[in-house]
Amino acid sequence: MLLKTVLTRLATTVVTLFGVAVVVFTLVRVAPGNPIAMMLPPGATEEDIANLTRLYGFDKSLPEQFVIWLGGVLQGDFGTSITLRQPVMELVLGRLPATLELSFMALVIAVALGGTIAVIGARKRGTGTEVGLDLTNGAVLSVPDFLWGLIFVLLFGVLWPVLSISGRVDPRLDIDFTTNFYVIEGLLRGRLDVVGSTLSHMLMPAMSLALPLAAMIAQLLKQSLKEVLHLDYTTLARVRGFSETAVILREALRNAALPTLTLIGVQFTFLIGGTVIVERIFAYEGLGNMAIDAVINRDLPLIQGIVILFAALFIVINLLVDLSYTLLNPRLRHG
């Protein structure tokens, strides 16, 4: 059953990525604007434009361009960035670690914060505390992540400047790492200065991304806990002398967490997508910030590479969530 599910999803993944490739390739080429003209100085001649157009293959028909590009992609070659003059895959993989670290930090904050609020709300169900938490969750959820980013910049970057509001790490630090996973490699190398600087720069953008997700987690998990707490086995745990908090943490939480796991997986993909605007606000050197620059500069190869990578990430994360849910739910595992 599990193997069949994996094979089916993998086949679907290939079809989905191909569809994304077709749509993205077509849209970026029919959009107005000439990327070649943006590369050349104002005094460039028609011959210069024609030569550069041939160099990037823009003189061929759209189907020919797509076949050539797709052939390169299948070999791991996404082309060369028009503006940066570097291989697209090299640029994308260089920025991807920063976005993944930011997204993972935001996810950890959201799960910790949302889970704590959900447990408190379930523990105080039927009281004014639960009502207050529900109102707070609704207020937090009504504010989009980019607006939280602007609020944090105003509060902790302008009015009370205690946190870094731009960049990924202190530029004064000497960083000679093998990878761009600064937190992980910094811990492995014992470079706590790099780790601390990276985390301090990530804190505000991560909180901006985490707050709306934390509110959703809190609402869903609290409701699931309230439903589970009425079941017989939780009543038996109370009879055996467990406190209400112990009943929630030891007995109810494990079963109530399954729907929340699905929510976290689905929303994590949207969280990664949300890094585009948030990274721009904080001048964070991630993939989202690069995507905006690519769109502004009409860098077609770079746009295509970033979108394909984002699509692949979304599909892989959803696949892992589905498999995790299957493994954790006995009815699906043995169905």
Protein backbone atom coordinates (compact mmCIF):
# COMPACT_ATOMS: atom_id res chain seq x y z
CA MET A 1 0.00 0.00 0.00
CA LEU A 2 2.74 2.45 0.99
CA LEU A 3 4.93 1.54 -2.00
CA LYS A 4 2.01 2.01 -4.37
CA THR A 5 1.30 5.43 -2.87
CA VAL A 6 4.92 6.51 -3.26
CA LEU A 7 5.12 5.35 -6.89
CA THR A 8 1.83 7.04 -7.75
CA ARG A 9 2.91 10.32 -6.18
CA LEU A 10 6.30 10.20 -7.92
CA ALA A 11 4.60 9.73 -11.29
CA THR A 12 2.29 12.64 -10.49
CA THR A 13 5.31 14.72 -9.51
CA VAL A 14 6.92 14.31 -12.92
CA VAL A 15 3.72 15.34 -14.71
CA THR A 16 3.21 18.31 -12.39
CA LEU A 17 6.76 19.60 -12.82
CA PHE A 18 6.45 19.31 -16.59
CA GLY A 19 3.20 21.29 -16.49
CA VAL A 20 4.82 23.96 -14.30
CA ALA A 21 7.76 24.15 -16.71
CA VAL A 22 5.47 24.68 -19.71
CA VAL A 23 3.38 27.35 -17.98
CA VAL A 24 6.35 29.27 -16.57
CA PHE A 25 8.34 29.12 -19.79
CA THR A 26 5.39 30.44 -21.78
CA LEU A 27 4.38 33.18 -19.35
CA VAL A 28 7.84 34.72 -18.93
CA ARG A 29 8.25 34.92 -22.70
CA VAL A 30 4.90 36.43 -23.57
CA ALA A 31 5.23 39.04 -20.81
CA PRO A 32 6.04 42.54 -22.10
CA GLY A 33 9.62 43.76 -22.07
CA ASN A 34 12.88 42.84 -23.77
CA PRO A 35 15.45 41.28 -21.42
CA ILE A 36 18.20 41.69 -24.02
CA ALA A 37 17.64 45.44 -24.27
CA MET A 38 18.01 45.72 -20.48
CA MET A 39 21.47 44.13 -20.63
CA LEU A 40 22.94 46.55 -23.15
CA PRO A 41 24.00 50.19 -22.68
CA PRO A 42 21.86 52.95 -24.22
CA GLY A 43 24.21 53.34 -27.19
CA ALA A 44 24.02 49.68 -28.27
CA THR A 45 23.48 49.06 -31.97
CA GLU A 46 20.93 46.80 -33.60
CA GLU A 47 23.77 44.41 -34.42
CA ASP A 48 24.69 44.15 -30.73
CA ILE A 49 21.08 43.34 -29.85
CA ALA A 50 20.88 40.75 -32.63
CA ASN A 51 24.11 39.04 -31.55
CA LEU A 52 23.01 38.81 -27.93
CA THR A 53 19.57 37.59 -28.99
CA ARG A 54 21.18 34.74 -30.95
CA LEU A 55 23.50 33.97 -28.02
CA TYR A 56 20.57 33.35 -25.67
CA GLY A 57 18.49 31.60 -28.33
CA PHE A 58 15.70 34.19 -28.36
CA ASP A 59 15.75 34.30 -32.16
CA LYS A 60 14.21 30.80 -32.34
CA SER A 61 10.52 29.94 -32.15
CA LEU A 62 8.91 29.39 -28.76
CA PRO A 63 8.63 25.58 -29.12
CA GLU A 64 12.29 25.37 -30.21
CA GLN A 65 13.37 27.45 -27.24
CA PHE A 66 11.38 25.23 -24.87
CA VAL A 67 12.83 21.99 -26.27
CA ILE A 68 16.38 23.35 -26.01
CA TRP A 69 15.78 24.62 -22.45
CA LEU A 70 14.07 21.41 -21.32
CA GLY A 71 16.93 19.32 -22.75
CA GLY A 72 19.39 21.35 -20.70
CA VAL A 73 17.23 21.06 -17.56
CA LEU A 74 17.16 17.26 -17.85
CA GLN A 75 20.97 17.41 -17.79
CA GLY A 76 21.00 19.76 -14.81
CA ASP A 77 21.69 22.88 -16.87
CA PHE A 78 19.11 25.63 -16.31
CA GLY A 79 21.01 28.10 -18.44
CA THR A 80 22.91 31.26 -17.58
CA SER A 81 21.52 34.28 -15.77
CA ILE A 82 21.12 37.22 -18.14
CA THR A 83 21.97 39.87 -15.55
CA LEU A 84 24.44 38.07 -13.30
CA ARG A 85 26.19 36.07 -16.08
CA GLN A 86 26.46 32.99 -13.86
CA PRO A 87 24.89 29.51 -14.14
CA VAL A 88 21.31 29.59 -12.85
CA MET A 89 21.69 26.38 -10.84
CA GLU A 90 24.77 27.75 -9.10
CA LEU A 91 22.95 30.94 -8.17
CA VAL A 92 19.79 29.16 -6.99
CA LEU A 93 21.61 26.57 -4.89
CA GLY A 94 23.74 29.34 -3.40
CA ARG A 95 20.65 31.17 -2.09
CA LEU A 96 18.49 28.14 -1.25
CA PRO A 97 20.17 27.35 2.13
CA ALA A 98 19.35 30.84 3.43
CA THR A 99 15.66 30.46 2.55
CA LEU A 100 15.48 26.95 3.99
CA GLU A 101 17.06 28.04 7.28
CA LEU A 102 14.67 30.99 7.53
CA SER A 103 11.65 28.80 6.72
CA PHE A 104 12.66 26.10 9.19
CA MET A 105 13.22 28.64 11.97
CA ALA A 106 9.80 30.15 11.25
CA LEU A 107 8.24 26.67 11.34
CA VAL A 108 9.85 25.84 14.69
CA ILE A 109 8.63 29.13 16.18
CA ALA A 110 5.13 28.60 14.78
CA VAL A 111 4.84 25.02 16.10
CA ALA A 112 6.21 25.94 19.53
CA LEU A 113 4.05 29.04 19.89
CA GLY A 114 0.90 27.57 18.34
CA GLY A 115 1.21 24.31 20.26
CA THR A 116 1.66 26.12 23.57
CA ILE A 117 -1.38 28.34 22.96
CA ALA A 118 -3.45 25.31 21.93
CA VAL A 119 -2.58 23.40 25.11
CA ILE A 120 -3.37 26.42 27.28
CA GLY A 121 -6.66 26.96 25.44
CA ALA A 122 -7.65 23.32 25.85
CA ARG A 123 -6.65 23.40 29.51
CA LYS A 124 -8.72 26.57 30.09
CA ARG A 125 -11.64 25.56 27.84
CA GLY A 126 -14.93 27.20 28.68
CA THR A 127 -13.28 30.11 30.48
CA GLY A 128 -12.48 33.71 29.66
CA THR A 129 -8.87 32.68 28.95
CA GLU A 130 -10.00 30.57 26.00
CA VAL A 131 -12.09 33.44 24.64
CA GLY A 132 -9.13 35.80 24.96
CA LEU A 133 -6.83 33.38 23.17
CA ASP A 134 -9.37 32.91 20.37
CA LEU A 135 -9.66 36.66 19.90
CA THR A 136 -5.88 37.02 19.86
CA ASN A 137 -5.54 34.22 17.31
CA GLY A 138 -8.10 35.88 15.08
CA ALA A 139 -6.31 39.23 15.29
CA VAL A 140 -2.91 37.70 14.55
CA LEU A 141 -4.31 35.70 11.63
CA SER A 142 -5.87 38.80 10.08
CA VAL A 143 -2.45 40.44 9.64
CA PRO A 144 -0.40 39.09 6.67
CA ASP A 145 3.23 38.10 7.15
CA PHE A 146 4.71 41.03 5.19
CA LEU A 147 2.76 43.49 7.37
CA TRP A 148 4.12 41.82 10.49
CA GLY A 149 7.55 42.37 8.96
CA LEU A 150 6.93 46.10 8.59
CA ILE A 151 5.60 46.27 12.16
CA PHE A 152 8.70 44.52 13.52
CA VAL A 153 11.01 46.83 11.55
CA LEU A 154 9.22 49.84 13.02
CA LEU A 155 9.23 48.49 16.58
CA PHE A 156 12.62 46.77 16.88
CA GLY A 157 14.56 48.49 14.14
CA VAL A 158 13.46 52.13 14.46
CA LEU A 159 11.68 52.87 17.74
CA TRP A 160 13.67 50.35 19.80
CA PRO A 161 16.67 49.33 17.68
CA VAL A 162 17.73 46.09 19.36
CA LEU A 163 17.64 43.67 16.42
CA SER A 164 19.22 43.56 12.98
CA ILE A 165 16.78 44.65 10.28
CA SER A 166 18.72 43.81 7.11
CA GLY A 167 21.06 41.20 5.70
CA ARG A 168 21.67 37.61 6.69
CA VAL A 169 24.78 37.92 8.85
CA ASP A 170 27.12 40.58 10.21
CA PRO A 171 29.32 41.59 7.22
CA ARG A 172 32.28 42.09 9.55
CA LEU A 173 32.48 38.35 10.26
CA ASP A 174 35.00 36.26 8.34
CA ILE A 175 33.01 33.31 6.99
CA ASP A 176 34.79 30.65 4.96
CA PHE A 177 32.26 27.83 5.01
CA THR A 178 31.92 24.93 2.60
CA THR A 179 28.15 25.35 2.38
CA ASN A 180 25.78 28.26 2.81
CA PHE A 181 23.97 26.61 5.71
CA TYR A 182 25.45 29.06 8.19
CA VAL A 183 23.60 27.79 11.27
CA ILE A 184 24.30 24.09 10.73
CA GLU A 185 27.90 24.45 9.60
CA GLY A 186 28.54 27.12 12.22
CA LEU A 187 27.47 24.69 14.95
CA LEU A 188 29.59 21.90 13.48
CA ARG A 189 32.65 24.16 13.25
CA GLY A 190 32.09 25.75 16.66
CA ARG A 191 31.60 29.20 15.10
CA LEU A 192 29.05 30.40 17.60
CA ASP A 193 29.62 34.00 16.52
CA VAL A 194 28.33 33.15 13.04
CA VAL A 195 25.43 31.14 14.48
CA GLY A 196 24.42 33.95 16.83
CA SER A 197 24.64 36.60 14.13
CA THR A 198 22.66 34.49 11.67
CA LEU A 199 19.92 33.74 14.18
CA SER A 200 19.64 37.39 15.25
CA HIS A 201 19.26 38.45 11.62
CA MET A 202 16.65 35.73 11.03
CA LEU A 203 14.59 36.41 14.14
CA MET A 204 12.34 39.21 12.85
CA PRO A 205 11.68 37.75 9.38
CA ALA A 206 11.10 34.34 10.95
CA MET A 207 8.64 35.79 13.45
CA SER A 208 6.85 37.62 10.62
CA LEU A 209 6.37 34.32 8.80
CA ALA A 210 5.60 32.32 11.94
CA LEU A 211 2.83 34.35 13.58
CA PRO A 212 0.00 33.67 11.07
CA LEU A 213 0.92 29.97 10.95
CA ALA A 214 1.09 29.80 14.75
CA ALA A 215 -2.45 31.19 14.97
CA MET A 216 -3.74 28.53 12.55
CA ILE A 217 -1.95 25.75 14.44
CA ALA A 218 -3.33 27.00 17.75
CA GLN A 219 -6.92 27.07 16.48
CA LEU A 220 -6.89 23.63 14.84
CA LEU A 221 -4.93 21.85 17.56
CA LYS A 222 -7.04 23.33 20.35
CA GLN A 223 -10.24 22.18 18.65
CA SER A 224 -8.81 18.70 18.12
CA LEU A 225 -7.72 18.52 21.75
CA LYS A 226 -11.19 19.54 22.97
CA GLU A 227 -12.75 16.74 20.91
CA VAL A 228 -10.27 14.13 22.17
CA LEU A 229 -10.62 15.22 25.80
CA HIS A 230 -14.25 14.00 25.79
CA LEU A 231 -13.27 10.43 24.85
CA ASP A 232 -13.34 7.52 27.30
CA TYR A 233 -9.60 6.95 27.56
CA THR A 234 -8.98 10.52 28.70
CA THR A 235 -11.72 10.17 31.31
CA LEU A 236 -10.02 6.99 32.51
CA ALA A 237 -6.72 8.87 32.79
CA ARG A 238 -8.38 11.45 35.04
CA VAL A 239 -9.83 8.68 37.21
CA ARG A 240 -6.33 7.27 37.57
CA GLY A 241 -5.24 10.57 39.10
CA PHE A 242 -3.61 12.40 36.20
CA SER A 243 -3.88 16.18 36.25
CA GLU A 244 -5.65 17.88 33.34
CA THR A 245 -2.34 19.09 31.95
CA ALA A 246 -0.88 15.58 32.14
CA VAL A 247 -3.96 14.16 30.40
CA ILE A 248 -3.53 16.65 27.56
CA LEU A 249 0.21 16.15 27.14
CA ARG A 250 0.44 12.39 27.74
CA GLU A 251 -2.85 11.06 26.41
CA ALA A 252 -4.67 13.52 24.16
CA LEU A 253 -1.95 15.38 22.29
CA ARG A 254 -0.67 12.42 20.28
CA ASN A 255 -4.06 11.60 18.76
CA ALA A 256 -5.12 15.21 18.33
CA ALA A 257 -1.93 16.14 16.48
CA LEU A 258 -2.66 14.21 13.25
CA PRO A 259 -4.89 16.85 11.59
CA THR A 260 -2.44 19.53 12.69
CA LEU A 261 0.43 17.64 11.04
CA THR A 262 -1.34 17.87 7.70
CA LEU A 263 -1.97 21.59 8.22
CA ILE A 264 1.69 22.19 9.09
CA GLY A 265 2.89 20.38 5.99
CA VAL A 266 0.56 22.21 3.63
CA GLN A 267 1.15 25.60 5.23
CA PHE A 268 4.93 25.07 5.28
CA THR A 269 4.91 25.24 1.48
CA PHE A 270 2.99 28.53 1.64
CA LEU A 271 5.43 29.70 4.30
CA ILE A 272 8.34 29.12 1.90
CA GLY A 273 6.45 31.04 -0.76
CA GLY A 274 5.85 33.85 1.72
CA THR A 275 9.60 34.36 2.10
CA VAL A 276 9.62 36.23 -1.23
CA ILE A 277 8.16 39.47 0.17
CA VAL A 278 9.50 39.08 3.71
CA GLU A 279 13.05 38.57 2.46
CA ARG A 280 12.70 41.73 0.42
CA ILE A 281 11.56 43.75 3.42
CA PHE A 282 14.57 42.67 5.48
CA ALA A 283 17.06 42.62 2.56
CA TYR A 284 17.61 38.97 3.47
CA GLU A 285 19.93 37.21 1.02
CA GLY A 286 17.63 34.33 0.17
CA LEU A 287 15.95 32.83 -2.85
CA GLY A 288 12.83 34.99 -2.53
CA ASN A 289 14.81 38.21 -2.69
CA MET A 290 16.65 36.92 -5.75
CA ALA A 291 13.30 36.04 -7.36
CA ILE A 292 12.12 39.65 -7.11
CA ASP A 293 15.38 40.91 -8.62
CA ALA A 294 15.01 38.40 -11.45
CA VAL A 295 11.47 39.58 -12.20
CA ILE A 296 12.46 43.26 -12.13
CA ASN A 297 15.39 42.62 -14.48
CA ARG A 298 13.41 40.24 -16.73
CA ASP A 299 16.06 37.57 -16.16
CA LEU A 300 14.13 34.75 -17.84
CA PRO A 301 16.51 31.82 -17.16
CA LEU A 302 16.78 32.77 -13.48
CA ILE A 303 13.01 33.19 -13.11
CA GLN A 304 12.43 29.76 -14.64
CA GLY A 305 15.03 28.09 -12.42
CA ILE A 306 13.66 29.64 -9.21
CA VAL A 307 10.03 28.75 -10.02
CA ILE A 308 10.91 25.16 -10.93
CA LEU A 309 12.86 24.80 -7.68
CA PHE A 310 9.99 26.25 -5.63
CA ALA A 311 7.56 23.87 -7.36
CA ALA A 312 9.83 20.89 -6.66
CA LEU A 313 10.10 21.90 -2.99
CA PHE A 314 6.32 22.19 -2.66
CA ILE A 315 5.76 18.77 -4.23
CA VAL A 316 8.44 17.04 -2.14
CA ILE A 317 7.16 18.56 1.11
CA ASN A 318 3.58 17.55 0.36
CA LEU A 319 4.74 14.03 -0.50
CA LEU A 320 6.62 13.74 2.81
CA VAL A 321 3.59 15.02 4.72
CA ASP A 322 1.30 12.47 3.05
CA LEU A 323 3.72 9.64 3.82
CA SER A 324 4.12 10.79 7.43
CA TYR A 325 0.36 10.94 7.88
CA THR A 326 0.05 7.43 6.43
CA LEU A 327 2.72 6.06 8.76
CA LEU A 328 1.24 7.73 11.85
CA ASN A 329 -2.38 6.77 11.11
CA PRO A 330 -2.87 2.98 11.54
CA ARG A 331 -6.15 3.02 9.57
CA LEU A 332 -4.37 4.35 6.51
CA ARG A 333 -1.25 2.26 7.02
CA HIS A 334 -3.16 -1.03 7.07
CA GLY A 335 -6.00 0.04 4.76
